[in-house]
Amino acid sequence: MSIVREIKDAVRQLEPEDLAAFRVWFAEFDASVWDRQLEEDVAAGRLDQLAEEALQDLREGCCTDL
């Protein structure tokens, strides 16, 4: 049995209180993984082109104030 399937089976067996705690933990864990990936992408310059395009749009007045 794969570890993913084992995790799925374990999650299905959680009591509602434990499931709620798991949801909170997983949301925080997932956000930290995403943040780390974004930081790595920024540091590696993978978002430079997108940032430049956004700045160019701003300079050209193609943006709407929120």
Protein backbone atom coordinates (compact mmCIF):
# COMPACT_ATOMS: atom_id res chain seq x y z
CA MET A 1 0.00 0.00 0.00
CA SER A 2 1.34 3.43 -0.88
CA ILE A 3 1.99 5.99 1.81
CA VAL A 4 -0.57 8.35 0.22
CA ARG A 5 -3.25 5.70 0.47
CA GLU A 6 -2.27 5.04 4.09
CA ILE A 7 -2.57 8.75 4.86
CA LYS A 8 -5.97 8.94 3.15
CA ASP A 9 -7.21 5.95 5.13
CA ALA A 10 -5.90 7.45 8.38
CA VAL A 11 -7.56 10.80 7.67
CA ARG A 12 -10.87 9.10 6.97
CA GLN A 13 -10.72 7.53 10.43
CA LEU A 14 -10.08 10.76 12.34
CA GLU A 15 -12.60 11.97 14.85
CA PRO A 16 -14.14 15.34 13.94
CA GLU A 17 -12.01 17.21 16.50
CA ASP A 18 -8.81 15.60 15.23
CA LEU A 19 -9.84 16.22 11.62
CA ALA A 20 -10.33 19.91 12.39
CA ALA A 21 -6.88 20.08 13.99
CA PHE A 22 -5.39 18.27 10.99
CA ARG A 23 -7.02 20.76 8.60
CA VAL A 24 -5.47 23.69 10.47
CA TRP A 25 -2.05 22.01 10.54
CA PHE A 26 -2.19 21.06 6.86
CA ALA A 27 -3.28 24.54 5.76
CA GLU A 28 -0.33 26.06 7.63
CA PHE A 29 2.05 23.41 6.28
CA ASP A 30 0.83 23.85 2.71
CA ALA A 31 1.12 27.64 2.94
CA SER A 32 4.68 27.40 4.23
CA VAL A 33 5.65 25.08 1.36
CA TRP A 34 4.10 27.53 -1.12
CA ASP A 35 5.86 30.50 0.52
CA ARG A 36 9.20 28.71 0.39
CA GLN A 37 8.72 27.89 -3.31
CA LEU A 38 7.76 31.49 -4.09
CA GLU A 39 10.84 32.79 -2.24
CA GLU A 40 13.05 30.38 -4.20
CA ASP A 41 11.46 31.46 -7.49
CA VAL A 42 11.98 35.15 -6.65
CA ALA A 43 15.60 34.57 -5.61
CA ALA A 44 16.26 32.63 -8.82
CA GLY A 45 14.77 35.41 -10.93
CA ARG A 46 11.97 33.27 -12.33
CA LEU A 47 9.44 36.04 -11.70
CA ASP A 48 11.51 38.94 -13.01
CA GLN A 49 9.81 39.01 -16.42
CA LEU A 50 6.34 39.03 -14.87
CA ALA A 51 7.34 41.81 -12.48
CA GLU A 52 8.75 43.87 -15.34
CA GLU A 53 5.55 43.42 -17.35
CA ALA A 54 3.48 44.56 -14.36
CA LEU A 55 5.69 47.60 -13.81
CA GLN A 56 5.48 48.47 -17.49
CA ASP A 57 1.68 48.27 -17.35
CA LEU A 58 1.75 50.57 -14.32
CA ARG A 59 4.00 53.07 -16.09
CA GLU A 60 1.69 53.04 -19.11
CA GLY A 61 -1.39 53.65 -16.98
CA CYS A 62 -2.93 50.27 -17.75
CA CYS A 63 -3.80 49.58 -14.11
CA THR A 64 -6.89 50.33 -12.08
CA ASP A 65 -6.59 51.49 -8.48
CA LEU A 66 -8.37 49.23 -6.06
